[in-house]
């Protein structure tokens, strides 16, 4: 029996590189992060293949592929397709749908067969609606940090700190009002997705992933489920 892991899954995001050594889906509970591709080189002797997703960052992908070539292990870069695992993409130009969104959709379709909104809260907030294995389309809006930076850049006498609120409340300083207002917008993004589905379907789920979920206090809504790594979970479906 081989001691090698089935795969090293790598998600190259806007702010960090997430990765996991996997044999089983449960291995995704041990996701790590790094800033440089060289930090992944040590794992090249421990896996049967490397599977990567990246929105942009072509240089980093090439660097990782070179590491795999040197170690003589298979390397696979995942791209958005018109149809994957029976799921049909809404975009006519399917290549322009971010692969992170596509992978989160594939993960969501494994979790539930009900109508679903798949939300990724990060640098940008994205929402994708999937019904009967058909991706209908979605929304893209600024994420928390971009909203805050836009306010600072385009509004006079508004200033902020870099703290992320731990819970949605009302602010009594400009700094708090900016941060909590951005958090309220982010929470509204999730709640409107839930409302959109509830107006059209008797049963459904909203699945939320991405770093922006950490401050959302929506656990009492049983239709909204939170997952730490839907993109990596989507990658796992393709190994």
C-alpha atoms as a PDB file:
ATOM      1  CA  UNK A   1       0.000   0.000   0.000  1.00  0.00           C
ATOM      2  CA  UNK A   2       1.357   3.416  -0.962  1.00  0.00           C
ATOM      3  CA  UNK A   3       2.244   5.881   1.754  1.00  0.00           C
ATOM      4  CA  UNK A   4       1.711   8.763  -0.643  1.00  0.00           C
ATOM      5  CA  UNK A   5      -1.247  11.102  -0.280  1.00  0.00           C
ATOM      6  CA  UNK A   6      -3.778  10.966  -3.112  1.00  0.00           C
ATOM      7  CA  UNK A   7      -3.219  14.645  -3.901  1.00  0.00           C
ATOM      8  CA  UNK A   8      -1.985  18.025  -2.808  1.00  0.00           C
ATOM      9  CA  UNK A   9      -4.853  20.447  -3.430  1.00  0.00           C
ATOM     10  CA  UNK A  10      -3.803  24.082  -3.909  1.00  0.00           C
ATOM     11  CA  UNK A  11      -6.031  27.157  -4.123  1.00  0.00           C
ATOM     12  CA  UNK A  12      -4.062  30.264  -5.107  1.00  0.00           C
ATOM     13  CA  UNK A  13      -6.199  33.176  -3.954  1.00  0.00           C
ATOM     14  CA  UNK A  14      -5.854  36.936  -3.941  1.00  0.00           C
ATOM     15  CA  UNK A  15      -4.314  37.173  -0.481  1.00  0.00           C
ATOM     16  CA  UNK A  16      -2.907  33.730   0.313  1.00  0.00           C
ATOM     17  CA  UNK A  17      -2.295  30.204  -0.929  1.00  0.00           C
ATOM     18  CA  UNK A  18      -4.449  27.540   0.723  1.00  0.00           C
ATOM     19  CA  UNK A  19      -3.512  23.883   0.473  1.00  0.00           C
ATOM     20  CA  UNK A  20      -4.313  20.452   1.870  1.00  0.00           C
ATOM     21  CA  UNK A  21      -2.845  16.968   1.643  1.00  0.00           C
ATOM     22  CA  UNK A  22      -5.780  14.641   1.052  1.00  0.00           C
ATOM     23  CA  UNK A  23      -6.809  11.030   0.831  1.00  0.00           C
ATOM     24  CA  UNK A  24     -10.349  11.510   2.086  1.00  0.00           C
ATOM     25  CA  UNK A  25     -12.768  14.441   2.158  1.00  0.00           C
ATOM     26  CA  UNK A  26     -12.312  14.658   5.920  1.00  0.00           C
ATOM     27  CA  UNK A  27      -8.683  15.661   5.330  1.00  0.00           C
ATOM     28  CA  UNK A  28      -9.967  19.093   4.332  1.00  0.00           C
ATOM     29  CA  UNK A  29     -10.366  19.835   8.024  1.00  0.00           C
ATOM     30  CA  UNK A  30      -6.588  20.359   8.047  1.00  0.00           C
ATOM     31  CA  UNK A  31      -6.177  23.188   5.530  1.00  0.00           C
ATOM     32  CA  UNK A  32      -2.999  25.242   5.755  1.00  0.00           C
ATOM     33  CA  UNK A  33      -1.942  28.486   4.124  1.00  0.00           C
ATOM     34  CA  UNK A  34       1.286  30.046   2.908  1.00  0.00           C
ATOM     35  CA  UNK A  35       2.491  33.057   0.935  1.00  0.00           C
ATOM     36  CA  UNK A  36       5.017  31.495  -1.439  1.00  0.00           C
ATOM     37  CA  UNK A  37       5.023  28.532  -3.817  1.00  0.00           C
ATOM     38  CA  UNK A  38       8.437  27.484  -2.489  1.00  0.00           C
ATOM     39  CA  UNK A  39       6.691  26.621   0.788  1.00  0.00           C
ATOM     40  CA  UNK A  40       4.893  23.798  -1.066  1.00  0.00           C
ATOM     41  CA  UNK A  41       8.027  22.203  -2.498  1.00  0.00           C
ATOM     42  CA  UNK A  42       8.558  20.065   0.593  1.00  0.00           C
ATOM     43  CA  UNK A  43       5.312  18.210  -0.092  1.00  0.00           C
ATOM     44  CA  UNK A  44       6.248  17.149  -3.617  1.00  0.00           C
ATOM     45  CA  UNK A  45       7.695  13.848  -2.419  1.00  0.00           C
ATOM     46  CA  UNK A  46       4.573  13.008  -0.399  1.00  0.00           C
ATOM     47  CA  UNK A  47       1.818  13.079  -3.032  1.00  0.00           C
ATOM     48  CA  UNK A  48       0.701  11.268  -6.165  1.00  0.00           C
ATOM     49  CA  UNK A  49      -0.420  14.462  -7.903  1.00  0.00           C
ATOM     50  CA  UNK A  50      -0.864  18.206  -7.452  1.00  0.00           C
ATOM     51  CA  UNK A  51      -4.185  19.794  -8.390  1.00  0.00           C
ATOM     52  CA  UNK A  52      -4.367  23.594  -8.443  1.00  0.00           C
ATOM     53  CA  UNK A  53      -6.886  26.369  -9.013  1.00  0.00           C
ATOM     54  CA  UNK A  54      -6.043  30.024  -9.475  1.00  0.00           C
ATOM     55  CA  UNK A  55      -7.863  33.141 -10.605  1.00  0.00           C
ATOM     56  CA  UNK A  56      -5.034  34.918 -12.403  1.00  0.00           C
ATOM     57  CA  UNK A  57      -1.606  34.521 -10.765  1.00  0.00           C
ATOM     58  CA  UNK A  58      -0.251  32.734 -13.855  1.00  0.00           C
ATOM     59  CA  UNK A  59       3.318  33.218 -12.653  1.00  0.00           C
ATOM     60  CA  UNK A  60       2.605  31.341  -9.424  1.00  0.00           C
ATOM     61  CA  UNK A  61       0.915  28.525 -11.328  1.00  0.00           C
ATOM     62  CA  UNK A  62       3.925  28.234 -13.612  1.00  0.00           C
ATOM     63  CA  UNK A  63       6.223  28.182 -10.596  1.00  0.00           C
ATOM     64  CA  UNK A  64       4.241  25.355  -9.016  1.00  0.00           C
ATOM     65  CA  UNK A  65       4.203  23.409 -12.288  1.00  0.00           C
ATOM     66  CA  UNK A  66       7.992  23.714 -12.455  1.00  0.00           C
ATOM     67  CA  UNK A  67       8.261  22.300  -8.930  1.00  0.00           C
ATOM     68  CA  UNK A  68       6.124  19.330  -9.993  1.00  0.00           C
ATOM     69  CA  UNK A  69       8.143  18.764 -13.168  1.00  0.00           C
ATOM     70  CA  UNK A  70      11.351  18.694 -11.148  1.00  0.00           C
ATOM     71  CA  UNK A  71       9.809  16.186  -8.719  1.00  0.00           C
ATOM     72  CA  UNK A  72       8.309  14.175 -11.621  1.00  0.00           C
ATOM     73  CA  UNK A  73       4.778  14.172 -10.256  1.00  0.00           C
ATOM     74  CA  UNK A  74       1.572  14.849 -12.234  1.00  0.00           C
ATOM     75  CA  UNK A  75       0.331  18.429 -12.227  1.00  0.00           C
ATOM     76  CA  UNK A  76      -3.221  19.466 -13.106  1.00  0.00           C
ATOM     77  CA  UNK A  77      -4.557  23.015 -13.331  1.00  0.00           C
ATOM     78  CA  UNK A  78      -8.350  23.174 -13.148  1.00  0.00           C
ATOM     79  CA  UNK A  79     -10.240  25.574 -15.413  1.00  0.00           C
ATOM     80  CA  UNK A  80     -13.903  26.471 -15.686  1.00  0.00           C
ATOM     81  CA  UNK A  81     -15.728  24.370 -18.278  1.00  0.00           C
ATOM     82  CA  UNK A  82     -19.100  24.571 -19.985  1.00  0.00           C
ATOM     83  CA  UNK A  83     -20.099  21.360 -18.205  1.00  0.00           C
ATOM     84  CA  UNK A  84     -18.345  19.552 -15.357  1.00  0.00           C
ATOM     85  CA  UNK A  85     -19.695  16.534 -13.497  1.00  0.00           C
ATOM     86  CA  UNK A  86     -23.084  17.171 -15.095  1.00  0.00           C
ATOM     87  CA  UNK A  87     -23.269  20.801 -13.926  1.00  0.00           C
ATOM     88  CA  UNK A  88     -23.891  23.309 -16.734  1.00  0.00           C
ATOM     89  CA  UNK A  89     -22.350  26.795 -16.634  1.00  0.00           C
ATOM     90  CA  UNK A  90     -24.638  29.787 -17.268  1.00  0.00           C
ATOM     91  CA  UNK A  91     -21.959  31.838 -19.013  1.00  0.00           C
ATOM     92  CA  UNK A  92     -21.848  31.573 -22.798  1.00  0.00           C
ATOM     93  CA  UNK A  93     -18.183  32.541 -22.456  1.00  0.00           C
ATOM     94  CA  UNK A  94     -17.687  30.042 -19.652  1.00  0.00           C
ATOM     95  CA  UNK A  95     -13.943  30.714 -19.508  1.00  0.00           C
ATOM     96  CA  UNK A  96     -14.678  34.117 -17.961  1.00  0.00           C
ATOM     97  CA  UNK A  97     -16.363  32.625 -14.889  1.00  0.00           C
ATOM     98  CA  UNK A  98     -13.764  32.537 -12.120  1.00  0.00           C
ATOM     99  CA  UNK A  99     -12.615  29.002 -11.416  1.00  0.00           C
ATOM    100  CA  UNK A 100     -13.021  29.620  -7.685  1.00  0.00           C
ATOM    101  CA  UNK A 101     -16.734  30.228  -8.258  1.00  0.00           C
ATOM    102  CA  UNK A 102     -16.972  27.149 -10.467  1.00  0.00           C
ATOM    103  CA  UNK A 103     -15.300  24.900  -7.902  1.00  0.00           C
ATOM    104  CA  UNK A 104     -17.525  26.202  -5.105  1.00  0.00           C
ATOM    105  CA  UNK A 105     -20.531  25.397  -7.309  1.00  0.00           C
ATOM    106  CA  UNK A 106     -19.276  21.838  -7.847  1.00  0.00           C
ATOM    107  CA  UNK A 107     -18.776  21.421  -4.117  1.00  0.00           C
ATOM    108  CA  UNK A 108     -22.240  22.766  -3.382  1.00  0.00           C
ATOM    109  CA  UNK A 109     -23.858  20.374  -5.839  1.00  0.00           C
ATOM    110  CA  UNK A 110     -22.356  17.480  -3.885  1.00  0.00           C
ATOM    111  CA  UNK A 111     -23.630  18.864  -0.584  1.00  0.00           C
ATOM    112  CA  UNK A 112     -27.233  19.378  -1.702  1.00  0.00           C
ATOM    113  CA  UNK A 113     -29.403  18.710  -4.725  1.00  0.00           C
ATOM    114  CA  UNK A 114     -31.864  21.433  -3.701  1.00  0.00           C
ATOM    115  CA  UNK A 115     -31.843  24.880  -5.330  1.00  0.00           C
ATOM    116  CA  UNK A 116     -28.803  26.574  -3.840  1.00  0.00           C
ATOM    117  CA  UNK A 117     -27.054  29.928  -3.642  1.00  0.00           C
ATOM    118  CA  UNK A 118     -23.284  29.573  -3.362  1.00  0.00           C
ATOM    119  CA  UNK A 119     -21.637  32.605  -1.766  1.00  0.00           C
ATOM    120  CA  UNK A 120     -17.916  33.265  -1.482  1.00  0.00           C
ATOM    121  CA  UNK A 121     -17.064  36.241   0.725  1.00  0.00           C
ATOM    122  CA  UNK A 122     -13.532  37.450   0.083  1.00  0.00           C
ATOM    123  CA  UNK A 123     -11.809  40.272  -1.789  1.00  0.00           C
ATOM    124  CA  UNK A 124     -14.978  40.239  -3.862  1.00  0.00           C
ATOM    125  CA  UNK A 125     -18.304  38.811  -2.735  1.00  0.00           C
ATOM    126  CA  UNK A 126     -19.824  36.417  -5.248  1.00  0.00           C
ATOM    127  CA  UNK A 127     -23.146  34.617  -5.407  1.00  0.00           C
ATOM    128  CA  UNK A 128     -24.067  31.840  -7.832  1.00  0.00           C
ATOM    129  CA  UNK A 129     -27.499  30.223  -8.123  1.00  0.00           C
ATOM    130  CA  UNK A 130     -27.739  26.557  -9.117  1.00  0.00           C
ATOM    131  CA  UNK A 131     -30.994  24.686  -9.773  1.00  0.00           C
ATOM    132  CA  UNK A 132     -31.258  21.146 -11.158  1.00  0.00           C
ATOM    133  CA  UNK A 133     -27.558  21.025 -12.042  1.00  0.00           C
ATOM    134  CA  UNK A 134     -27.915  24.225 -14.065  1.00  0.00           C
ATOM    135  CA  UNK A 135     -25.950  27.293 -13.037  1.00  0.00           C
ATOM    136  CA  UNK A 136     -28.368  30.184 -13.606  1.00  0.00           C
ATOM    137  CA  UNK A 137     -25.917  33.027 -12.985  1.00  0.00           C
ATOM    138  CA  UNK A 138     -25.258  35.252 -10.017  1.00  0.00           C
ATOM    139  CA  UNK A 139     -23.870  38.462  -8.564  1.00  0.00           C
ATOM    140  CA  UNK A 140     -20.478  40.017  -7.866  1.00  0.00           C
ATOM    141  CA  UNK A 141     -20.023  42.834  -5.370  1.00  0.00           C
ATOM    142  CA  UNK A 142     -17.107  44.408  -3.474  1.00  0.00           C
ATOM    143  CA  UNK A 143     -15.851  42.472  -0.489  1.00  0.00           C
ATOM    144  CA  UNK A 144     -15.417  43.928   2.983  1.00  0.00           C
ATOM    145  CA  UNK A 145     -11.917  45.329   2.449  1.00  0.00           C
ATOM    146  CA  UNK A 146     -12.717  46.859  -0.943  1.00  0.00           C
ATOM    147  CA  UNK A 147     -15.865  48.517   0.436  1.00  0.00           C
ATOM    148  CA  UNK A 148     -13.881  50.034   3.276  1.00  0.00           C
ATOM    149  CA  UNK A 149     -11.055  51.199   1.000  1.00  0.00           C
ATOM    150  CA  UNK A 150     -13.534  52.724  -1.448  1.00  0.00           C
ATOM    151  CA  UNK A 151     -15.133  54.760   1.334  1.00  0.00           C
ATOM    152  CA  UNK A 152     -11.773  56.060   2.472  1.00  0.00           C
ATOM    153  CA  UNK A 153     -10.711  56.951  -1.068  1.00  0.00           C
ATOM    154  CA  UNK A 154     -13.894  58.587  -2.284  1.00  0.00           C
ATOM    155  CA  UNK A 155     -15.469  60.183   0.794  1.00  0.00           C
ATOM    156  CA  UNK A 156     -14.218  63.264   2.609  1.00  0.00           C
ATOM    157  CA  UNK A 157     -13.867  63.268   6.401  1.00  0.00           C
ATOM    158  CA  UNK A 158     -14.338  59.511   6.619  1.00  0.00           C
ATOM    159  CA  UNK A 159     -11.609  57.428   8.182  1.00  0.00           C
ATOM    160  CA  UNK A 160     -11.299  53.869   9.427  1.00  0.00           C
ATOM    161  CA  UNK A 161      -9.042  51.414  11.197  1.00  0.00           C
ATOM    162  CA  UNK A 162      -8.021  47.963  10.012  1.00  0.00           C
ATOM    163  CA  UNK A 163     -10.005  45.954  12.547  1.00  0.00           C
ATOM    164  CA  UNK A 164     -12.582  43.426  11.398  1.00  0.00           C
ATOM    165  CA  UNK A 165     -15.726  43.580  13.565  1.00  0.00           C
ATOM    166  CA  UNK A 166     -16.428  40.400  15.496  1.00  0.00           C
ATOM    167  CA  UNK A 167     -20.194  40.915  15.477  1.00  0.00           C
ATOM    168  CA  UNK A 168     -22.648  43.230  13.734  1.00  0.00           C
ATOM    169  CA  UNK A 169     -23.669  46.108  15.965  1.00  0.00           C
ATOM    170  CA  UNK A 170     -24.052  49.883  15.643  1.00  0.00           C
ATOM    171  CA  UNK A 171     -21.016  52.150  15.849  1.00  0.00           C
ATOM    172  CA  UNK A 172     -20.453  55.307  17.866  1.00  0.00           C
ATOM    173  CA  UNK A 173     -17.185  56.378  16.217  1.00  0.00           C
ATOM    174  CA  UNK A 174     -16.466  56.978  12.546  1.00  0.00           C
ATOM    175  CA  UNK A 175     -14.049  54.046  12.500  1.00  0.00           C
ATOM    176  CA  UNK A 176     -16.668  51.688  13.939  1.00  0.00           C
ATOM    177  CA  UNK A 177     -19.429  53.035  11.696  1.00  0.00           C
ATOM    178  CA  UNK A 178     -17.331  52.365   8.584  1.00  0.00           C
ATOM    179  CA  UNK A 179     -16.376  48.828   9.607  1.00  0.00           C
ATOM    180  CA  UNK A 180     -19.844  47.903  10.842  1.00  0.00           C
ATOM    181  CA  UNK A 181     -21.486  49.463   7.789  1.00  0.00           C
ATOM    182  CA  UNK A 182     -19.324  47.321   5.503  1.00  0.00           C
ATOM    183  CA  UNK A 183     -20.173  44.273   7.591  1.00  0.00           C
ATOM    184  CA  UNK A 184     -23.885  45.133   7.365  1.00  0.00           C
ATOM    185  CA  UNK A 185     -23.574  45.310   3.577  1.00  0.00           C
ATOM    186  CA  UNK A 186     -21.882  41.930   3.535  1.00  0.00           C
ATOM    187  CA  UNK A 187     -24.559  40.398   5.749  1.00  0.00           C
ATOM    188  CA  UNK A 188     -27.197  41.943   3.490  1.00  0.00           C
ATOM    189  CA  UNK A 189     -25.598  40.255   0.482  1.00  0.00           C
ATOM    190  CA  UNK A 190     -26.157  36.878   2.164  1.00  0.00           C
ATOM    191  CA  UNK A 191     -29.670  37.674   3.338  1.00  0.00           C
ATOM    192  CA  UNK A 192     -30.808  38.916  -0.083  1.00  0.00           C
ATOM    193  CA  UNK A 193     -29.588  35.649  -1.619  1.00  0.00           C
ATOM    194  CA  UNK A 194     -31.711  33.783   0.921  1.00  0.00           C
ATOM    195  CA  UNK A 195     -34.691  36.024   0.148  1.00  0.00           C
ATOM    196  CA  UNK A 196     -34.248  35.549  -3.610  1.00  0.00           C
ATOM    197  CA  UNK A 197     -34.439  31.765  -3.269  1.00  0.00           C
ATOM    198  CA  UNK A 198     -37.261  31.803  -0.721  1.00  0.00           C
ATOM    199  CA  UNK A 199     -39.406  33.852  -3.131  1.00  0.00           C
ATOM    200  CA  UNK A 200     -39.075  31.200  -5.835  1.00  0.00           C
ATOM    201  CA  UNK A 201     -38.577  27.799  -4.214  1.00  0.00           C
ATOM    202  CA  UNK A 202     -40.210  25.926  -1.359  1.00  0.00           C
ATOM    203  CA  UNK A 203     -36.954  24.380  -0.213  1.00  0.00           C
ATOM    204  CA  UNK A 204     -33.373  25.520  -0.775  1.00  0.00           C
ATOM    205  CA  UNK A 205     -30.044  26.265   0.897  1.00  0.00           C
ATOM    206  CA  UNK A 206     -27.563  29.126   0.951  1.00  0.00           C
ATOM    207  CA  UNK A 207     -23.968  27.929   1.289  1.00  0.00           C
ATOM    208  CA  UNK A 208     -21.390  30.476   2.429  1.00  0.00           C
ATOM    209  CA  UNK A 209     -17.618  30.170   2.179  1.00  0.00           C
ATOM    210  CA  UNK A 210     -14.632  32.544   2.238  1.00  0.00           C
ATOM    211  CA  UNK A 211     -12.876  34.519   4.941  1.00  0.00           C
ATOM    212  CA  UNK A 212     -15.640  37.126   5.165  1.00  0.00           C
ATOM    213  CA  UNK A 213     -17.994  34.680   6.844  1.00  0.00           C
ATOM    214  CA  UNK A 214     -16.229  34.819  10.202  1.00  0.00           C
ATOM    215  CA  UNK A 215     -18.130  37.867  11.472  1.00  0.00           C
ATOM    216  CA  UNK A 216     -21.589  36.922  10.183  1.00  0.00           C
ATOM    217  CA  UNK A 217     -24.046  36.049  12.928  1.00  0.00           C
ATOM    218  CA  UNK A 218     -26.612  34.187  10.832  1.00  0.00           C
ATOM    219  CA  UNK A 219     -26.390  30.746  12.424  1.00  0.00           C
ATOM    220  CA  UNK A 220     -30.022  30.841  13.581  1.00  0.00           C
ATOM    221  CA  UNK A 221     -31.182  30.752   9.974  1.00  0.00           C
ATOM    222  CA  UNK A 222     -31.211  27.023   9.211  1.00  0.00           C
ATOM    223  CA  UNK A 223     -31.217  27.682   5.460  1.00  0.00           C
ATOM    224  CA  UNK A 224     -27.798  29.359   5.617  1.00  0.00           C
ATOM    225  CA  UNK A 225     -24.888  26.940   6.032  1.00  0.00           C
ATOM    226  CA  UNK A 226     -21.233  27.866   6.479  1.00  0.00           C
ATOM    227  CA  UNK A 227     -18.242  26.014   5.032  1.00  0.00           C
ATOM    228  CA  UNK A 228     -14.583  26.989   5.436  1.00  0.00           C
ATOM    229  CA  UNK A 229     -13.214  25.710   2.121  1.00  0.00           C
ATOM    230  CA  UNK A 230     -15.714  25.064  -0.666  1.00  0.00           C
ATOM    231  CA  UNK A 231     -13.109  25.754  -3.354  1.00  0.00           C
ATOM    232  CA  UNK A 232     -10.802  23.016  -2.061  1.00  0.00           C
ATOM    233  CA  UNK A 233     -13.808  20.762  -1.643  1.00  0.00           C
ATOM    234  CA  UNK A 234     -14.594  21.351  -5.312  1.00  0.00           C
ATOM    235  CA  UNK A 235     -11.016  20.469  -6.211  1.00  0.00           C
ATOM    236  CA  UNK A 236     -11.371  17.251  -4.244  1.00  0.00           C
ATOM    237  CA  UNK A 237     -14.239  16.192  -6.517  1.00  0.00           C
ATOM    238  CA  UNK A 238     -11.885  16.358  -9.512  1.00  0.00           C
ATOM    239  CA  UNK A 239      -9.045  14.122  -8.312  1.00  0.00           C
END
